[in-house]
């Protein structure tokens, strides 16, 4: 922390102000370096569920490596909700949309867009959310 007095014990307001500003800039830079925008991971779940879960994990890790905070509801909610029960599926979709509203972007992965994914993409478009598309090999589609 900056001191109002210099090394010789004299009051030095100019030096103090300069050092205080440097400390503020360093704190702001540290906060910016630790900031991770939240991204919604949109990828298939149904079909080959085991493969799709592994791919969603891979996509989430990719987001972390790119300095983002991933939200992949199909990895979370399927742990305690049954996608086969229509009422539970509807509740999960509602919760997906709540989480989606907290995200800065949606990242869509793969070449196959399932019905559930299309529903999420449509919602993101209606909310004017930034949507980015990636291949299974994690290359961004232009």
Protein backbone atom coordinates (compact mmCIF):
# COMPACT_ATOMS: atom_id res chain seq x y z
CA UNK A 1 0.00 0.00 0.00
CA UNK A 2 1.26 3.47 -0.90
CA UNK A 3 2.57 5.69 1.86
CA UNK A 4 1.90 9.45 2.05
CA UNK A 5 5.47 9.96 3.20
CA UNK A 6 8.58 9.29 1.15
CA UNK A 7 11.58 7.21 2.25
CA UNK A 8 13.09 10.23 3.97
CA UNK A 9 9.92 10.88 6.01
CA UNK A 10 8.68 13.95 4.10
CA UNK A 11 5.02 14.33 3.12
CA UNK A 12 4.81 13.58 -0.61
CA UNK A 13 1.24 13.87 -1.99
CA UNK A 14 2.32 13.62 -5.65
CA UNK A 15 4.25 10.42 -5.07
CA UNK A 16 1.38 9.05 -2.97
CA UNK A 17 -1.20 9.80 -5.68
CA UNK A 18 0.98 8.24 -8.40
CA UNK A 19 1.56 5.07 -6.39
CA UNK A 20 -2.13 4.86 -5.43
CA UNK A 21 -3.13 5.09 -9.11
CA UNK A 22 -0.69 2.35 -10.03
CA UNK A 23 -2.15 0.10 -7.30
CA UNK A 24 -5.69 0.78 -8.58
CA UNK A 25 -4.65 -0.10 -12.14
CA UNK A 26 -2.98 -3.30 -10.96
CA UNK A 27 -6.13 -4.34 -9.03
CA UNK A 28 -8.32 -3.59 -12.06
CA UNK A 29 -6.00 -5.62 -14.31
CA UNK A 30 -6.13 -8.55 -11.87
CA UNK A 31 -9.94 -8.45 -11.80
CA UNK A 32 -10.05 -8.33 -15.61
CA UNK A 33 -7.62 -11.25 -15.85
CA UNK A 34 -9.84 -13.36 -13.59
CA UNK A 35 -13.12 -12.46 -15.32
CA UNK A 36 -14.69 -15.32 -17.24
CA UNK A 37 -17.80 -14.64 -19.33
CA UNK A 38 -20.45 -17.33 -18.91
CA UNK A 39 -21.22 -19.36 -22.05
CA UNK A 40 -24.12 -21.73 -22.61
CA UNK A 41 -22.95 -25.03 -24.10
CA UNK A 42 -25.48 -26.26 -26.66
CA UNK A 43 -24.81 -29.79 -27.90
CA UNK A 44 -26.80 -32.99 -28.43
CA UNK A 45 -27.86 -35.13 -25.49
CA UNK A 46 -30.35 -37.62 -26.94
CA UNK A 47 -29.31 -40.42 -29.27
CA UNK A 48 -25.95 -41.86 -28.27
CA UNK A 49 -26.17 -40.45 -24.74
CA UNK A 50 -22.81 -41.73 -23.47
CA UNK A 51 -20.95 -40.31 -26.46
CA UNK A 52 -22.87 -37.03 -26.26
CA UNK A 53 -22.07 -36.65 -22.55
CA UNK A 54 -18.37 -37.17 -23.27
CA UNK A 55 -18.53 -34.61 -26.06
CA UNK A 56 -20.33 -32.07 -23.81
CA UNK A 57 -17.54 -32.54 -21.26
CA UNK A 58 -14.98 -31.94 -24.01
CA UNK A 59 -16.83 -28.78 -25.14
CA UNK A 60 -17.03 -27.50 -21.58
CA UNK A 61 -13.31 -28.05 -21.08
CA UNK A 62 -12.67 -26.20 -24.35
CA UNK A 63 -14.59 -23.21 -22.97
CA UNK A 64 -12.58 -23.27 -19.74
CA UNK A 65 -9.34 -23.39 -21.74
CA UNK A 66 -10.55 -20.33 -23.69
CA UNK A 67 -11.05 -18.50 -20.36
CA UNK A 68 -14.86 -18.81 -20.26
CA UNK A 69 -17.16 -20.27 -17.62
CA UNK A 70 -19.26 -22.99 -19.30
CA UNK A 71 -22.85 -23.88 -18.39
CA UNK A 72 -23.91 -27.27 -19.80
CA UNK A 73 -27.36 -27.99 -18.33
CA UNK A 74 -27.63 -31.35 -20.06
CA UNK A 75 -24.65 -32.49 -17.96
CA UNK A 76 -26.21 -31.19 -14.76
CA UNK A 77 -29.97 -31.70 -14.84
CA UNK A 78 -29.82 -35.22 -16.25
CA UNK A 79 -28.11 -36.26 -13.01
CA UNK A 80 -31.35 -35.90 -11.06
CA UNK A 81 -34.14 -35.42 -13.62
CA UNK A 82 -35.53 -37.96 -16.06
CA UNK A 83 -35.59 -36.72 -19.66
CA UNK A 84 -38.04 -39.55 -20.49
CA UNK A 85 -40.77 -38.10 -18.23
CA UNK A 86 -42.47 -35.22 -20.13
CA UNK A 87 -43.18 -33.14 -16.99
CA UNK A 88 -39.56 -33.39 -15.83
CA UNK A 89 -38.30 -32.59 -19.32
CA UNK A 90 -40.44 -29.43 -19.37
CA UNK A 91 -39.12 -28.36 -15.97
CA UNK A 92 -35.55 -28.98 -17.16
CA UNK A 93 -36.16 -26.91 -20.31
CA UNK A 94 -37.48 -24.06 -18.16
CA UNK A 95 -34.37 -24.27 -15.95
CA UNK A 96 -32.18 -24.32 -19.07
CA UNK A 97 -33.74 -21.05 -20.17
CA UNK A 98 -33.18 -19.49 -16.75
CA UNK A 99 -29.50 -20.43 -16.91
CA UNK A 100 -29.29 -19.29 -20.52
CA UNK A 101 -30.47 -15.82 -19.47
CA UNK A 102 -27.36 -15.52 -17.27
CA UNK A 103 -24.98 -16.27 -20.15
CA UNK A 104 -23.11 -13.83 -22.36
CA UNK A 105 -23.03 -16.21 -25.35
CA UNK A 106 -24.30 -19.54 -26.62
CA UNK A 107 -21.80 -21.95 -28.15
CA UNK A 108 -23.34 -24.56 -30.44
CA UNK A 109 -21.22 -27.65 -31.12
CA UNK A 110 -21.32 -30.30 -33.83
CA UNK A 111 -23.01 -30.79 -37.17
CA UNK A 112 -26.21 -32.32 -35.79
CA UNK A 113 -28.82 -29.94 -34.35
CA UNK A 114 -31.30 -31.92 -32.25
CA UNK A 115 -34.86 -30.72 -31.64
CA UNK A 116 -33.88 -29.64 -28.11
CA UNK A 117 -30.89 -27.73 -29.39
CA UNK A 118 -33.01 -26.00 -32.03
CA UNK A 119 -35.43 -24.96 -29.31
CA UNK A 120 -32.53 -23.44 -27.34
CA UNK A 121 -31.07 -21.73 -30.42
CA UNK A 122 -34.45 -20.22 -31.29
CA UNK A 123 -34.77 -18.89 -27.74
CA UNK A 124 -31.26 -17.40 -27.86
CA UNK A 125 -32.07 -15.69 -31.18
CA UNK A 126 -35.28 -14.22 -29.74
CA UNK A 127 -33.23 -12.84 -26.83
CA UNK A 128 -30.60 -11.41 -29.23
CA UNK A 129 -27.92 -13.54 -27.62
CA UNK A 130 -24.57 -13.91 -29.38
CA UNK A 131 -24.36 -17.41 -30.86
CA UNK A 132 -21.13 -19.03 -32.01
CA UNK A 133 -20.96 -22.33 -33.90
CA UNK A 134 -18.16 -24.89 -33.57
CA UNK A 135 -17.38 -28.24 -35.16
CA UNK A 136 -16.88 -31.39 -33.10
CA UNK A 137 -13.16 -30.76 -33.63
CA UNK A 138 -13.56 -27.42 -31.81
CA UNK A 139 -13.02 -25.24 -34.86
CA UNK A 140 -15.22 -22.19 -35.12
CA UNK A 141 -17.54 -22.15 -38.12
CA UNK A 142 -17.61 -18.91 -40.06
